[in-house]
N, C-alpha and C. Protein backbone atom coordinates (compact mmCIF):
# COMPACT_ATOMS: atom_id res chain seq x y z
N UNK A 1 108.95 62.67 92.27
CA UNK A 1 108.00 63.52 92.98
C UNK A 1 106.83 62.70 93.47
N UNK A 2 106.34 63.04 94.61
CA UNK A 2 105.19 62.32 95.15
C UNK A 2 103.90 62.87 94.54
N UNK A 3 103.03 61.96 94.13
CA UNK A 3 101.73 62.34 93.59
C UNK A 3 100.67 61.54 94.31
N UNK A 4 99.52 62.18 94.57
CA UNK A 4 98.46 61.44 95.25
C UNK A 4 97.87 60.36 94.35
N UNK A 5 97.55 59.23 94.93
CA UNK A 5 96.96 58.13 94.16
C UNK A 5 95.51 58.44 93.81
N UNK A 6 94.82 59.10 94.74
CA UNK A 6 93.43 59.48 94.51
C UNK A 6 93.29 61.00 94.66
N UNK A 7 92.28 61.51 94.02
CA UNK A 7 92.03 62.95 94.05
C UNK A 7 91.46 63.37 95.41
N UNK A 8 91.98 64.48 95.95
CA UNK A 8 91.43 65.02 97.20
C UNK A 8 90.20 65.85 96.88
N UNK A 9 89.22 65.79 97.75
CA UNK A 9 87.98 66.53 97.53
C UNK A 9 88.22 68.03 97.73
N UNK A 10 87.30 68.83 97.19
CA UNK A 10 87.41 70.29 97.36
C UNK A 10 87.24 70.69 98.81
N UNK A 11 86.43 69.94 99.56
CA UNK A 11 86.25 70.23 100.98
C UNK A 11 87.56 70.05 101.73
N UNK A 12 88.27 68.99 101.41
CA UNK A 12 89.55 68.72 102.06
C UNK A 12 90.57 69.81 101.71
N UNK A 13 90.57 70.24 100.45
CA UNK A 13 91.47 71.31 100.02
C UNK A 13 91.12 72.61 100.75
N UNK A 14 89.83 72.93 100.83
CA UNK A 14 89.41 74.18 101.45
C UNK A 14 89.68 74.20 102.95
N UNK A 15 89.59 73.04 103.60
CA UNK A 15 89.92 72.96 105.03
C UNK A 15 91.37 73.35 105.27
N UNK A 16 92.23 72.95 104.36
CA UNK A 16 93.65 73.26 104.49
C UNK A 16 93.90 74.75 104.28
N UNK A 17 93.10 75.37 103.45
CA UNK A 17 93.31 76.77 103.11
C UNK A 17 92.57 77.76 104.01
N UNK A 18 91.97 77.32 105.08
CA UNK A 18 91.19 78.22 105.92
C UNK A 18 92.05 79.28 106.61
N UNK A 19 93.34 79.04 106.76
CA UNK A 19 94.20 79.97 107.48
C UNK A 19 94.75 81.07 106.59
N UNK A 20 94.55 80.98 105.28
CA UNK A 20 95.03 81.99 104.36
C UNK A 20 93.99 83.10 104.25
N UNK A 21 94.04 84.04 105.17
CA UNK A 21 93.06 85.12 105.20
C UNK A 21 93.79 86.46 105.16
N UNK A 22 93.15 87.42 104.56
CA UNK A 22 93.69 88.78 104.59
C UNK A 22 93.36 89.40 105.94
N UNK A 23 94.34 90.07 106.52
CA UNK A 23 94.13 90.71 107.81
C UNK A 23 94.02 92.21 107.62
N UNK A 24 93.27 92.86 108.47
CA UNK A 24 93.11 94.31 108.40
C UNK A 24 94.39 94.99 108.85
N UNK A 25 94.66 96.14 108.28
CA UNK A 25 95.85 96.91 108.63
C UNK A 25 95.63 97.53 110.00
N UNK A 26 96.64 97.45 110.85
CA UNK A 26 96.56 98.02 112.19
C UNK A 26 96.89 99.51 112.12
N UNK A 27 95.98 100.32 112.63
CA UNK A 27 96.17 101.77 112.61
C UNK A 27 96.56 102.28 113.99
N UNK A 28 97.27 103.39 114.00
CA UNK A 28 97.72 103.99 115.23
C UNK A 28 97.55 105.51 115.13
N UNK A 29 97.46 106.18 116.26
CA UNK A 29 97.34 107.63 116.29
C UNK A 29 98.65 108.22 116.79
N UNK A 30 99.20 109.15 116.02
CA UNK A 30 100.44 109.81 116.40
C UNK A 30 100.17 110.74 117.57
N UNK A 31 100.97 110.65 118.61
CA UNK A 31 100.75 111.45 119.82
C UNK A 31 101.05 112.93 119.58
N UNK A 32 102.03 113.23 118.74
CA UNK A 32 102.41 114.64 118.54
C UNK A 32 101.51 115.36 117.56
N UNK A 33 101.01 114.66 116.52
CA UNK A 33 100.20 115.32 115.49
C UNK A 33 98.73 114.95 115.55
N UNK A 34 98.40 113.82 116.15
CA UNK A 34 97.02 113.35 116.19
C UNK A 34 96.59 112.68 114.89
N UNK A 35 97.52 112.46 113.99
CA UNK A 35 97.24 111.85 112.68
C UNK A 35 97.09 110.33 112.83
N UNK A 36 96.09 109.77 112.17
CA UNK A 36 95.91 108.32 112.15
C UNK A 36 96.74 107.77 111.00
N UNK A 37 97.58 106.78 111.28
CA UNK A 37 98.47 106.23 110.26
C UNK A 37 98.66 104.74 110.49
N UNK A 38 99.26 104.08 109.51
CA UNK A 38 99.57 102.66 109.59
C UNK A 38 100.74 102.47 110.56
N UNK A 39 100.64 101.46 111.42
CA UNK A 39 101.68 101.24 112.42
C UNK A 39 103.01 100.89 111.77
N UNK A 40 104.11 101.36 112.35
CA UNK A 40 105.48 101.10 111.91
C UNK A 40 105.74 101.61 110.50
N UNK A 41 105.02 102.67 110.10
CA UNK A 41 105.26 103.30 108.81
C UNK A 41 105.33 104.81 109.02
N UNK A 42 106.18 105.47 108.25
CA UNK A 42 106.25 106.92 108.29
C UNK A 42 105.01 107.49 107.61
N UNK A 43 104.61 108.70 108.01
CA UNK A 43 103.44 109.34 107.41
C UNK A 43 103.69 110.83 107.23
N UNK A 44 103.01 111.41 106.25
CA UNK A 44 103.16 112.83 105.95
C UNK A 44 102.03 113.60 106.63
N UNK A 45 102.39 114.66 107.32
CA UNK A 45 101.41 115.53 107.98
C UNK A 45 101.84 116.97 107.76
N UNK A 46 100.99 117.74 107.08
CA UNK A 46 101.24 119.15 106.77
C UNK A 46 102.59 119.35 106.08
N UNK A 47 102.92 118.48 105.15
CA UNK A 47 104.14 118.63 104.36
C UNK A 47 105.42 118.14 105.02
N UNK A 48 105.31 117.56 106.22
CA UNK A 48 106.49 117.04 106.92
C UNK A 48 106.34 115.53 107.10
N UNK A 49 107.46 114.83 107.10
CA UNK A 49 107.46 113.38 107.27
C UNK A 49 107.70 113.05 108.73
N UNK A 50 106.80 112.26 109.34
CA UNK A 50 106.90 111.88 110.74
C UNK A 50 107.07 110.37 110.87
N UNK A 51 107.85 109.96 111.87
CA UNK A 51 108.00 108.55 112.20
C UNK A 51 108.26 108.44 113.69
N UNK A 52 107.49 107.59 114.37
CA UNK A 52 107.58 107.39 115.82
C UNK A 52 107.40 108.70 116.59
N UNK A 53 106.50 109.56 116.10
CA UNK A 53 106.19 110.80 116.80
C UNK A 53 107.20 111.90 116.61
N UNK A 54 108.23 111.68 115.79
CA UNK A 54 109.25 112.70 115.57
C UNK A 54 109.26 113.11 114.11
N UNK A 55 109.56 114.39 113.86
CA UNK A 55 109.65 114.86 112.49
C UNK A 55 111.00 114.43 111.91
N UNK A 56 110.94 113.68 110.82
CA UNK A 56 112.17 113.19 110.21
C UNK A 56 112.66 114.14 109.11
N UNK A 57 111.74 114.55 108.22
CA UNK A 57 112.11 115.41 107.11
C UNK A 57 111.13 116.58 107.06
N UNK A 58 111.68 117.78 107.13
CA UNK A 58 110.84 118.98 107.05
C UNK A 58 110.70 119.37 105.58
N UNK A 59 109.49 119.75 105.17
CA UNK A 59 109.25 120.13 103.79
C UNK A 59 109.27 118.94 102.84
N UNK A 60 108.81 117.80 103.32
CA UNK A 60 108.81 116.56 102.53
C UNK A 60 107.64 116.60 101.55
N UNK A 61 107.91 116.38 100.27
CA UNK A 61 106.85 116.29 99.27
C UNK A 61 106.76 114.84 98.82
N UNK A 62 105.58 114.23 99.01
CA UNK A 62 105.43 112.81 98.65
C UNK A 62 105.45 112.66 97.14
N UNK A 63 105.91 111.51 96.68
CA UNK A 63 106.03 111.25 95.24
C UNK A 63 104.75 110.67 94.67
N UNK A 64 103.68 110.68 95.43
CA UNK A 64 102.42 110.10 94.95
C UNK A 64 101.66 111.01 94.11
């Protein structure tokens, strides 16, 4: 295995890690219900499960 001969500074390590950032979740508004939800995820509105603006399951009870 390769090992560094000298220790890298914390600045050098942190420069490498600058791209590891948490990104905010992208939200979208459903055209049929007006509900704000996470993009590309199904959401519950008034007891029904919706995905891509269409009702998938009527009378859906979430397990949460």
